[in-house]
N, C-alpha and C. Protein backbone atom coordinates (compact mmCIF):
# COMPACT_ATOMS: atom_id res chain seq x y z
N MET A 1 37.06 66.30 -43.90
CA MET A 1 35.81 65.71 -44.34
C MET A 1 35.72 65.67 -45.87
N ILE A 2 36.18 66.74 -46.51
CA ILE A 2 36.15 66.78 -47.97
C ILE A 2 37.07 65.71 -48.55
N ARG A 3 38.24 65.51 -47.93
CA ARG A 3 39.17 64.48 -48.40
C ARG A 3 38.54 63.09 -48.24
N PHE A 4 37.80 62.89 -47.15
CA PHE A 4 37.13 61.62 -46.89
C PHE A 4 36.09 61.33 -47.98
N ILE A 5 35.28 62.32 -48.32
CA ILE A 5 34.25 62.16 -49.36
C ILE A 5 34.89 61.95 -50.73
N ARG A 6 35.94 62.71 -51.02
CA ARG A 6 36.65 62.55 -52.30
C ARG A 6 37.23 61.13 -52.42
N SER A 7 37.79 60.63 -51.33
CA SER A 7 38.35 59.29 -51.32
C SER A 7 37.26 58.24 -51.54
N LEU A 8 36.12 58.43 -50.90
CA LEU A 8 35.00 57.51 -51.06
C LEU A 8 34.51 57.50 -52.51
N LEU A 9 34.41 58.67 -53.12
CA LEU A 9 33.98 58.75 -54.52
C LEU A 9 34.99 58.09 -55.46
N GLU A 10 36.28 58.22 -55.15
CA GLU A 10 37.31 57.54 -55.95
C GLU A 10 37.14 56.03 -55.89
N ASP A 11 36.83 55.52 -54.68
CA ASP A 11 36.60 54.08 -54.53
C ASP A 11 35.37 53.64 -55.32
N VAL A 12 34.31 54.43 -55.26
CA VAL A 12 33.09 54.12 -56.00
C VAL A 12 33.36 54.15 -57.50
N ASP A 13 34.07 55.16 -57.97
CA ASP A 13 34.38 55.27 -59.39
C ASP A 13 35.27 54.14 -59.88
N SER A 14 36.14 53.63 -59.00
CA SER A 14 37.00 52.50 -59.41
C SER A 14 36.15 51.26 -59.67
N VAL A 15 35.04 51.11 -58.96
CA VAL A 15 34.14 50.00 -59.21
C VAL A 15 33.47 50.17 -60.57
N LEU A 16 33.02 51.39 -60.84
CA LEU A 16 32.37 51.65 -62.12
C LEU A 16 33.30 51.38 -63.30
N GLU A 17 34.58 51.60 -63.11
CA GLU A 17 35.57 51.34 -64.17
C GLU A 17 35.82 49.85 -64.38
N ARG A 18 35.75 49.05 -63.30
CA ARG A 18 36.16 47.65 -63.39
C ARG A 18 35.04 46.63 -63.36
N ASP A 19 33.85 47.01 -62.95
CA ASP A 19 32.75 46.05 -62.86
C ASP A 19 31.67 46.37 -63.88
N PRO A 20 31.54 45.54 -64.91
CA PRO A 20 30.53 45.83 -65.93
C PRO A 20 29.10 45.76 -65.41
N ALA A 21 28.89 45.13 -64.27
CA ALA A 21 27.54 45.04 -63.70
C ALA A 21 27.14 46.31 -62.95
N ALA A 22 28.11 47.14 -62.59
CA ALA A 22 27.82 48.37 -61.84
C ALA A 22 27.16 49.39 -62.75
N GLN A 23 26.02 49.94 -62.31
CA GLN A 23 25.25 50.86 -63.14
C GLN A 23 25.53 52.34 -62.84
N ASN A 24 25.63 52.69 -61.56
CA ASN A 24 25.82 54.10 -61.21
C ASN A 24 26.40 54.21 -59.80
N ARG A 25 26.79 55.43 -59.43
CA ARG A 25 27.41 55.67 -58.12
C ARG A 25 26.50 55.27 -56.97
N TRP A 26 25.21 55.59 -57.06
CA TRP A 26 24.29 55.29 -55.96
C TRP A 26 24.21 53.79 -55.72
N GLU A 27 24.13 53.02 -56.80
CA GLU A 27 24.07 51.57 -56.67
C GLU A 27 25.32 51.04 -55.97
N VAL A 28 26.48 51.49 -56.42
CA VAL A 28 27.73 51.03 -55.83
C VAL A 28 27.82 51.45 -54.36
N LEU A 29 27.51 52.68 -54.08
CA LEU A 29 27.60 53.20 -52.72
C LEU A 29 26.68 52.46 -51.76
N LEU A 30 25.48 52.17 -52.19
CA LEU A 30 24.48 51.58 -51.30
C LEU A 30 24.46 50.06 -51.28
N LEU A 31 24.90 49.42 -52.37
CA LEU A 31 24.70 47.97 -52.49
C LEU A 31 25.97 47.13 -52.55
N TYR A 32 27.12 47.72 -52.69
CA TYR A 32 28.35 46.94 -52.77
C TYR A 32 28.98 46.79 -51.39
N PRO A 33 29.06 45.55 -50.87
CA PRO A 33 29.56 45.35 -49.51
C PRO A 33 31.00 45.84 -49.29
N HIS A 34 31.84 45.73 -50.32
CA HIS A 34 33.23 46.12 -50.09
C HIS A 34 33.36 47.63 -49.86
N ILE A 35 32.45 48.43 -50.39
CA ILE A 35 32.48 49.87 -50.12
C ILE A 35 32.22 50.11 -48.64
N LYS A 36 31.26 49.38 -48.08
CA LYS A 36 30.97 49.49 -46.65
C LYS A 36 32.17 49.03 -45.81
N ALA A 37 32.80 47.93 -46.25
CA ALA A 37 33.95 47.40 -45.53
C ALA A 37 35.12 48.38 -45.56
N ILE A 38 35.36 49.00 -46.72
CA ILE A 38 36.46 49.97 -46.83
C ILE A 38 36.16 51.22 -46.01
N LEU A 39 34.92 51.67 -46.05
CA LEU A 39 34.51 52.82 -45.25
C LEU A 39 34.74 52.56 -43.77
N ALA A 40 34.30 51.40 -43.30
CA ALA A 40 34.52 51.03 -41.90
C ALA A 40 36.01 50.91 -41.61
N HIS A 41 36.77 50.36 -42.57
CA HIS A 41 38.21 50.22 -42.37
C HIS A 41 38.89 51.59 -42.21
N ARG A 42 38.49 52.55 -42.99
CA ARG A 42 39.11 53.89 -42.88
C ARG A 42 38.89 54.48 -41.49
N ILE A 43 37.69 54.31 -40.97
CA ILE A 43 37.39 54.80 -39.62
C ILE A 43 38.20 54.01 -38.59
N ALA A 44 38.17 52.69 -38.70
CA ALA A 44 38.89 51.83 -37.76
C ALA A 44 40.40 52.08 -37.83
N HIS A 45 40.93 52.24 -39.04
CA HIS A 45 42.37 52.48 -39.20
C HIS A 45 42.79 53.80 -38.54
N SER A 46 41.96 54.82 -38.69
CA SER A 46 42.24 56.10 -38.05
C SER A 46 42.30 55.95 -36.53
N LEU A 47 41.36 55.20 -35.97
CA LEU A 47 41.36 54.95 -34.53
C LEU A 47 42.56 54.09 -34.12
N TYR A 48 42.91 53.12 -34.94
CA TYR A 48 44.05 52.25 -34.68
C TYR A 48 45.34 53.05 -34.58
N LEU A 49 45.50 54.01 -35.50
CA LEU A 49 46.70 54.85 -35.50
C LEU A 49 46.76 55.76 -34.28
N LYS A 50 45.60 56.07 -33.71
CA LYS A 50 45.55 56.91 -32.50
C LYS A 50 45.60 56.05 -31.24
N ASN A 51 45.89 54.77 -31.42
CA ASN A 51 46.05 53.81 -30.33
C ASN A 51 44.74 53.49 -29.61
N HIS A 52 43.61 53.66 -30.29
CA HIS A 52 42.31 53.24 -29.77
C HIS A 52 42.02 51.85 -30.36
N ARG A 53 42.86 50.89 -29.97
CA ARG A 53 42.87 49.58 -30.62
C ARG A 53 41.58 48.79 -30.40
N PHE A 54 41.03 48.83 -29.19
CA PHE A 54 39.80 48.08 -28.93
C PHE A 54 38.65 48.59 -29.79
N LEU A 55 38.46 49.91 -29.81
CA LEU A 55 37.38 50.49 -30.59
C LEU A 55 37.58 50.21 -32.09
N ALA A 56 38.81 50.28 -32.55
CA ALA A 56 39.12 49.98 -33.95
C ALA A 56 38.75 48.54 -34.29
N ARG A 57 39.14 47.59 -33.42
CA ARG A 57 38.81 46.18 -33.65
C ARG A 57 37.31 45.94 -33.58
N TRP A 58 36.63 46.66 -32.71
CA TRP A 58 35.18 46.53 -32.57
C TRP A 58 34.47 46.95 -33.87
N ILE A 59 34.89 48.08 -34.44
CA ILE A 59 34.32 48.55 -35.70
C ILE A 59 34.62 47.55 -36.82
N ALA A 60 35.85 47.04 -36.86
CA ALA A 60 36.22 46.05 -37.88
C ALA A 60 35.38 44.78 -37.74
N ASN A 61 35.10 44.39 -36.51
CA ASN A 61 34.31 43.20 -36.26
C ASN A 61 32.87 43.38 -36.74
N ILE A 62 32.29 44.54 -36.49
CA ILE A 62 30.94 44.83 -36.97
C ILE A 62 30.90 44.80 -38.49
N ALA A 63 31.91 45.41 -39.12
CA ALA A 63 31.98 45.41 -40.58
C ALA A 63 32.10 44.00 -41.13
N ARG A 64 32.88 43.16 -40.47
CA ARG A 64 33.04 41.76 -40.92
C ARG A 64 31.71 41.03 -40.85
N ARG A 65 30.97 41.21 -39.76
CA ARG A 65 29.68 40.53 -39.63
C ARG A 65 28.67 41.02 -40.66
N ARG A 66 28.75 42.27 -41.04
CA ARG A 66 27.77 42.83 -41.99
C ARG A 66 28.14 42.60 -43.45
N THR A 67 29.43 42.46 -43.74
CA THR A 67 29.86 42.38 -45.14
C THR A 67 30.50 41.05 -45.52
N GLY A 68 30.98 40.28 -44.53
CA GLY A 68 31.70 39.05 -44.84
C GLY A 68 33.14 39.29 -45.25
N ILE A 69 33.59 40.55 -45.12
CA ILE A 69 34.96 40.94 -45.48
C ILE A 69 35.69 41.33 -44.20
N GLU A 70 36.81 40.66 -43.92
CA GLU A 70 37.55 40.94 -42.70
C GLU A 70 38.83 41.71 -43.03
N ILE A 71 38.88 42.96 -42.57
CA ILE A 71 40.07 43.79 -42.78
C ILE A 71 40.55 44.24 -41.41
N HIS A 72 41.76 43.84 -41.04
CA HIS A 72 42.32 44.28 -39.76
C HIS A 72 42.55 45.78 -39.81
N PRO A 73 42.24 46.49 -38.72
CA PRO A 73 42.41 47.95 -38.71
C PRO A 73 43.84 48.42 -38.94
N GLY A 74 44.82 47.56 -38.73
CA GLY A 74 46.21 47.95 -38.94
C GLY A 74 46.65 47.92 -40.40
N ALA A 75 45.89 47.26 -41.25
CA ALA A 75 46.26 47.14 -42.66
C ALA A 75 46.27 48.50 -43.34
N LEU A 76 47.21 48.69 -44.27
CA LEU A 76 47.30 49.92 -45.06
C LEU A 76 46.72 49.64 -46.44
N ILE A 77 45.73 50.43 -46.84
CA ILE A 77 45.06 50.20 -48.11
C ILE A 77 45.11 51.45 -48.96
N GLY A 78 45.59 51.30 -50.19
CA GLY A 78 45.66 52.42 -51.13
C GLY A 78 44.31 52.74 -51.73
N LYS A 79 44.34 53.59 -52.75
CA LYS A 79 43.11 54.01 -53.41
C LYS A 79 42.61 52.95 -54.38
N GLY A 80 41.30 52.89 -54.53
CA GLY A 80 40.70 52.08 -55.58
C GLY A 80 40.71 50.59 -55.36
N LEU A 81 40.75 50.12 -54.11
CA LEU A 81 40.65 48.68 -53.87
C LEU A 81 39.25 48.23 -54.26
N PHE A 82 39.16 47.19 -55.09
CA PHE A 82 37.89 46.63 -55.52
C PHE A 82 37.86 45.17 -55.09
N ILE A 83 36.95 44.84 -54.18
CA ILE A 83 36.78 43.47 -53.71
C ILE A 83 35.49 42.96 -54.32
N ASP A 84 35.61 42.20 -55.41
CA ASP A 84 34.45 41.72 -56.15
C ASP A 84 33.90 40.47 -55.48
N HIS A 85 32.61 40.46 -55.23
CA HIS A 85 31.95 39.33 -54.53
C HIS A 85 32.75 39.02 -53.25
N GLY A 86 32.86 39.98 -52.36
CA GLY A 86 33.83 39.99 -51.28
C GLY A 86 33.73 38.96 -50.19
N MET A 87 32.70 38.15 -50.14
CA MET A 87 32.53 37.21 -49.03
C MET A 87 33.79 36.38 -48.80
N GLY A 88 34.25 36.37 -47.57
CA GLY A 88 35.38 35.53 -47.19
C GLY A 88 36.75 36.14 -47.40
N VAL A 89 36.84 37.38 -47.85
CA VAL A 89 38.14 38.02 -48.02
C VAL A 89 38.72 38.35 -46.64
N VAL A 90 40.02 38.08 -46.46
CA VAL A 90 40.71 38.38 -45.22
C VAL A 90 41.98 39.17 -45.55
N ILE A 91 42.15 40.31 -44.85
CA ILE A 91 43.33 41.15 -45.01
C ILE A 91 43.95 41.34 -43.63
N GLY A 92 45.17 40.83 -43.45
CA GLY A 92 45.82 40.83 -42.14
C GLY A 92 46.38 42.17 -41.70
N GLU A 93 46.77 42.21 -40.44
CA GLU A 93 47.18 43.44 -39.76
C GLU A 93 48.31 44.20 -40.44
N THR A 94 49.35 43.53 -40.88
CA THR A 94 50.50 44.23 -41.44
C THR A 94 50.51 44.22 -42.97
N ALA A 95 49.38 43.85 -43.57
CA ALA A 95 49.27 43.87 -45.03
C ALA A 95 49.30 45.31 -45.53
N ILE A 96 49.92 45.49 -46.68
CA ILE A 96 49.95 46.79 -47.35
C ILE A 96 49.43 46.55 -48.76
N ILE A 97 48.42 47.31 -49.17
CA ILE A 97 47.81 47.14 -50.48
C ILE A 97 47.97 48.44 -51.25
N GLY A 98 48.52 48.34 -52.46
CA GLY A 98 48.72 49.51 -53.31
C GLY A 98 47.42 50.01 -53.92
N ASN A 99 47.54 50.80 -54.96
CA ASN A 99 46.40 51.41 -55.63
C ASN A 99 45.83 50.52 -56.73
N ASP A 100 44.51 50.62 -56.91
CA ASP A 100 43.81 49.94 -58.01
C ASP A 100 44.03 48.43 -58.01
N VAL A 101 43.93 47.83 -56.83
CA VAL A 101 44.04 46.38 -56.67
C VAL A 101 42.64 45.78 -56.73
N THR A 102 42.53 44.62 -57.38
CA THR A 102 41.28 43.88 -57.43
C THR A 102 41.46 42.55 -56.72
N MET A 103 40.56 42.27 -55.79
CA MET A 103 40.55 40.98 -55.08
C MET A 103 39.19 40.34 -55.29
N PHE A 104 39.18 39.02 -55.44
CA PHE A 104 37.93 38.29 -55.58
C PHE A 104 37.62 37.52 -54.30
N HIS A 105 36.40 37.02 -54.20
CA HIS A 105 35.91 36.37 -52.98
C HIS A 105 36.87 35.27 -52.50
N GLY A 106 36.96 35.18 -51.20
CA GLY A 106 37.76 34.14 -50.58
C GLY A 106 39.25 34.39 -50.56
N ALA A 107 39.72 35.49 -51.14
CA ALA A 107 41.17 35.77 -51.17
C ALA A 107 41.65 36.13 -49.77
N THR A 108 42.89 35.74 -49.47
CA THR A 108 43.48 36.00 -48.16
C THR A 108 44.86 36.62 -48.31
N LEU A 109 45.10 37.70 -47.58
CA LEU A 109 46.44 38.25 -47.40
C LEU A 109 46.79 37.96 -45.95
N GLY A 110 47.46 36.83 -45.73
CA GLY A 110 47.65 36.34 -44.37
C GLY A 110 49.09 36.14 -43.97
N GLY A 111 49.26 35.82 -42.70
CA GLY A 111 50.57 35.52 -42.14
C GLY A 111 50.84 34.03 -42.18
N THR A 112 52.04 33.66 -41.78
CA THR A 112 52.41 32.24 -41.80
C THR A 112 52.77 31.72 -40.42
N GLY A 113 52.60 32.51 -39.40
CA GLY A 113 52.94 32.05 -38.06
C GLY A 113 52.65 33.10 -37.02
N ARG A 114 53.27 32.95 -35.89
CA ARG A 114 53.02 33.84 -34.77
C ARG A 114 54.11 34.89 -34.59
N ASP A 115 54.89 35.12 -35.64
CA ASP A 115 55.96 36.11 -35.57
C ASP A 115 55.39 37.50 -35.30
N LYS A 116 56.18 38.33 -34.67
CA LYS A 116 55.83 39.73 -34.45
C LYS A 116 56.40 40.55 -35.61
N GLY A 117 55.91 41.77 -35.76
CA GLY A 117 56.42 42.64 -36.82
C GLY A 117 55.70 42.38 -38.13
N LYS A 118 56.33 42.78 -39.24
CA LYS A 118 55.75 42.65 -40.58
C LYS A 118 55.63 41.17 -40.93
N ARG A 119 54.42 40.68 -41.08
CA ARG A 119 54.20 39.26 -41.33
C ARG A 119 53.15 38.97 -42.40
N HIS A 120 52.64 40.03 -43.03
CA HIS A 120 51.64 39.89 -44.09
C HIS A 120 52.19 40.48 -45.38
N PRO A 121 51.57 40.14 -46.51
CA PRO A 121 52.08 40.58 -47.81
C PRO A 121 51.99 42.08 -48.05
N THR A 122 52.85 42.54 -48.94
CA THR A 122 52.76 43.88 -49.51
C THR A 122 52.38 43.68 -50.97
N VAL A 123 51.32 44.35 -51.39
CA VAL A 123 50.77 44.19 -52.74
C VAL A 123 50.97 45.49 -53.50
N GLY A 124 51.61 45.42 -54.66
CA GLY A 124 51.84 46.60 -55.48
C GLY A 124 50.57 47.09 -56.16
N ASP A 125 50.71 48.07 -57.02
CA ASP A 125 49.58 48.65 -57.74
C ASP A 125 49.12 47.73 -58.88
N HIS A 126 47.84 47.84 -59.22
CA HIS A 126 47.25 47.16 -60.38
C HIS A 126 47.41 45.64 -60.33
N VAL A 127 47.30 45.08 -59.15
CA VAL A 127 47.39 43.63 -58.96
C VAL A 127 45.98 43.05 -58.96
N VAL A 128 45.84 41.84 -59.52
CA VAL A 128 44.58 41.11 -59.48
C VAL A 128 44.81 39.82 -58.70
N ILE A 129 44.00 39.60 -57.67
CA ILE A 129 44.13 38.41 -56.82
C ILE A 129 42.85 37.58 -57.01
N GLY A 130 42.99 36.41 -57.60
CA GLY A 130 41.86 35.57 -57.95
C GLY A 130 41.11 35.01 -56.76
N ALA A 131 39.94 34.44 -57.05
CA ALA A 131 39.07 33.86 -56.03
C ALA A 131 39.79 32.78 -55.24
N SER A 132 39.67 32.86 -53.92
CA SER A 132 40.23 31.89 -52.97
C SER A 132 41.75 31.77 -53.01
N ALA A 133 42.44 32.73 -53.63
CA ALA A 133 43.90 32.72 -53.61
C ALA A 133 44.38 33.05 -52.20
N LYS A 134 45.48 32.44 -51.80
CA LYS A 134 46.08 32.69 -50.49
C LYS A 134 47.47 33.26 -50.73
N VAL A 135 47.70 34.47 -50.24
CA VAL A 135 48.99 35.14 -50.36
C VAL A 135 49.51 35.26 -48.94
N LEU A 136 50.58 34.53 -48.62
CA LEU A 136 50.96 34.34 -47.22
C LEU A 136 52.38 34.77 -46.93
N GLY A 137 52.55 35.46 -45.81
CA GLY A 137 53.86 35.84 -45.33
C GLY A 137 54.27 37.24 -45.75
N ASP A 138 55.42 37.64 -45.28
CA ASP A 138 55.98 38.96 -45.60
C ASP A 138 56.65 38.89 -46.97
N ILE A 139 55.82 38.88 -48.01
CA ILE A 139 56.32 38.80 -49.38
C ILE A 139 55.83 40.01 -50.15
N TYR A 140 56.41 40.23 -51.33
CA TYR A 140 56.04 41.36 -52.16
C TYR A 140 55.40 40.87 -53.45
N ILE A 141 54.18 41.30 -53.70
CA ILE A 141 53.48 41.01 -54.94
C ILE A 141 53.66 42.24 -55.82
N ALA A 142 54.45 42.11 -56.86
CA ALA A 142 54.88 43.25 -57.67
C ALA A 142 53.73 43.83 -58.49
N THR A 143 53.90 45.07 -58.89
CA THR A 143 52.94 45.79 -59.71
C THR A 143 52.54 44.97 -60.93
N GLY A 144 51.23 44.94 -61.20
CA GLY A 144 50.73 44.28 -62.39
C GLY A 144 50.63 42.77 -62.32
N THR A 145 50.95 42.17 -61.19
CA THR A 145 50.87 40.72 -61.06
C THR A 145 49.42 40.26 -61.09
N LYS A 146 49.18 39.11 -61.72
CA LYS A 146 47.88 38.46 -61.69
C LYS A 146 48.06 37.13 -60.99
N ILE A 147 47.24 36.90 -59.96
CA ILE A 147 47.30 35.67 -59.19
C ILE A 147 46.05 34.86 -59.50
N GLY A 148 46.24 33.64 -59.98
CA GLY A 148 45.12 32.80 -60.36
C GLY A 148 44.28 32.34 -59.18
N ALA A 149 43.06 31.94 -59.47
CA ALA A 149 42.15 31.42 -58.45
C ALA A 149 42.77 30.21 -57.76
N ASN A 150 42.60 30.14 -56.45
CA ASN A 150 43.07 29.03 -55.61
C ASN A 150 44.59 28.91 -55.51
N ALA A 151 45.34 29.87 -56.05
CA ALA A 151 46.80 29.81 -55.94
C ALA A 151 47.22 30.04 -54.49
N VAL A 152 48.36 29.47 -54.13
CA VAL A 152 48.97 29.73 -52.82
C VAL A 152 50.33 30.35 -53.09
N VAL A 153 50.42 31.66 -52.83
CA VAL A 153 51.63 32.41 -53.15
C VAL A 153 52.46 32.54 -51.87
N LEU A 154 53.70 32.04 -51.93
CA LEU A 154 54.57 32.02 -50.76
C LEU A 154 55.88 32.78 -50.97
N LYS A 155 56.08 33.32 -52.19
CA LYS A 155 57.31 34.06 -52.46
C LYS A 155 57.00 35.27 -53.34
N ASP A 156 57.95 36.20 -53.40
CA ASP A 156 57.79 37.43 -54.18
C ASP A 156 57.49 37.10 -55.65
N THR A 157 56.81 38.04 -56.30
CA THR A 157 56.55 37.88 -57.73
C THR A 157 57.29 38.97 -58.50
N ALA A 158 57.50 38.74 -59.78
CA ALA A 158 58.09 39.74 -60.66
C ALA A 158 56.96 40.62 -61.22
N PRO A 159 57.28 41.84 -61.60
CA PRO A 159 56.24 42.72 -62.15
C PRO A 159 55.60 42.13 -63.41
N TYR A 160 54.30 42.35 -63.54
CA TYR A 160 53.52 42.00 -64.73
C TYR A 160 53.64 40.52 -65.10
N THR A 161 53.55 39.66 -64.11
CA THR A 161 53.56 38.23 -64.35
C THR A 161 52.24 37.64 -63.88
N THR A 162 52.00 36.41 -64.28
CA THR A 162 50.83 35.66 -63.82
C THR A 162 51.34 34.44 -63.08
N VAL A 163 50.82 34.22 -61.87
CA VAL A 163 51.22 33.06 -61.08
C VAL A 163 50.00 32.23 -60.75
N VAL A 164 50.18 30.90 -60.79
CA VAL A 164 49.09 29.97 -60.50
C VAL A 164 49.65 28.76 -59.79
N GLY A 165 48.77 28.00 -59.15
CA GLY A 165 49.15 26.71 -58.58
C GLY A 165 49.43 26.74 -57.09
N VAL A 166 49.77 25.53 -56.58
CA VAL A 166 50.07 25.33 -55.17
C VAL A 166 51.37 24.56 -55.08
N PRO A 167 52.47 25.16 -54.66
CA PRO A 167 52.64 26.60 -54.47
C PRO A 167 52.66 27.30 -55.83
N ALA A 168 52.35 28.57 -55.82
CA ALA A 168 52.23 29.34 -57.06
C ALA A 168 53.57 29.47 -57.76
N SER A 169 53.52 29.38 -59.08
CA SER A 169 54.71 29.63 -59.90
C SER A 169 54.27 30.42 -61.13
N GLU A 170 55.25 31.06 -61.74
CA GLU A 170 54.98 31.92 -62.89
C GLU A 170 54.57 31.08 -64.09
N VAL A 171 53.51 31.52 -64.77
CA VAL A 171 53.00 30.80 -65.92
C VAL A 171 53.81 31.09 -67.17
N GLN A 172 54.03 32.37 -67.44
CA GLN A 172 54.75 32.77 -68.65
C GLN A 172 55.67 33.92 -68.30
N PRO A 173 56.99 33.73 -68.43
CA PRO A 173 57.90 34.83 -68.14
C PRO A 173 57.64 36.03 -69.05
N ARG A 174 57.90 37.21 -68.53
CA ARG A 174 57.71 38.43 -69.32
C ARG A 174 58.49 38.37 -70.61
N GLY A 175 57.87 38.81 -71.70
CA GLY A 175 58.57 38.90 -72.97
C GLY A 175 58.67 37.59 -73.72
N ARG A 176 58.23 36.49 -73.13
CA ARG A 176 58.34 35.20 -73.81
C ARG A 176 57.04 34.91 -74.53
N ILE A 177 57.14 34.53 -75.78
CA ILE A 177 55.96 34.17 -76.56
C ILE A 177 55.97 32.66 -76.73
N LEU A 178 54.90 32.02 -76.29
CA LEU A 178 54.82 30.57 -76.40
C LEU A 178 54.58 30.18 -77.87
N SER A 179 55.27 29.18 -78.29
CA SER A 179 55.09 28.68 -79.67
C SER A 179 54.46 27.30 -79.61
N LEU A 180 54.11 26.78 -80.77
CA LEU A 180 53.56 25.43 -80.83
C LEU A 180 54.55 24.40 -80.32
N LEU A 181 55.86 24.68 -80.44
CA LEU A 181 56.87 23.75 -79.96
C LEU A 181 56.80 23.59 -78.45
N ASP A 182 56.34 24.61 -77.73
CA ASP A 182 56.20 24.51 -76.27
C ASP A 182 55.13 23.47 -75.89
N TYR A 183 54.21 23.21 -76.80
CA TYR A 183 53.13 22.26 -76.50
C TYR A 183 53.38 20.88 -77.10
N ALA A 184 54.50 20.71 -77.83
CA ALA A 184 54.79 19.42 -78.48
C ALA A 184 55.06 18.35 -77.44
N ILE A 185 54.66 17.14 -77.75
CA ILE A 185 54.88 16.01 -76.83
C ILE A 185 56.13 15.29 -77.19
C-alpha cells in the first residue's frame, strides 16, 4: 500500500514539474483525468497479471468512459507518464512505456493488424508524443525522441531526434546544425 501511494505521488509530482497550469498536488490528484486513468490502469494491470482478464477489462472500460483515455490492462507503464489534455489517447495491450513520457490528446500507441504477440510500440524514457500522433506496430521509440503533432510513426527512431509527417521522418539528425545554405533555393 505504501508503494502504491508513493507511486501515485510520483505521478502527481511529474505533472507539477511539466505542466505550468498545475497549482498543487490536490488539484492534480482530484482534477486531472490522466491521474484517474493511470490509477485505474494500475489496478486493472494487477488483475490482468493475475489472469482476472474480464474484471481488468471492465475496470479499464469504466476508466475510459470517465476520462476519455483508453489504456489496455496489459500495457506496461513506467513512472511519471503525463497525458496532457488526455481525451482520445489510446494505449494498446502490448505497449510498453518508459519513465517520464509525455503524451498529448488524441495520441495512439496502436497495432497494425491482427497479429498475436508483441504488436504495439515500445516507448523509451523522456519521450514526447504530440497531439493526435499515431505510433503503430512493434517499433521502438528511442529515449528522448519528440514526435510531432499528427505524425504517423511506422519505424524505429534514433535517440534524441524529432520526427514529423506522414509517414514520420527525422527533421534534424543529431549533431547537425542547419545553416542558411540549407534553406537556399
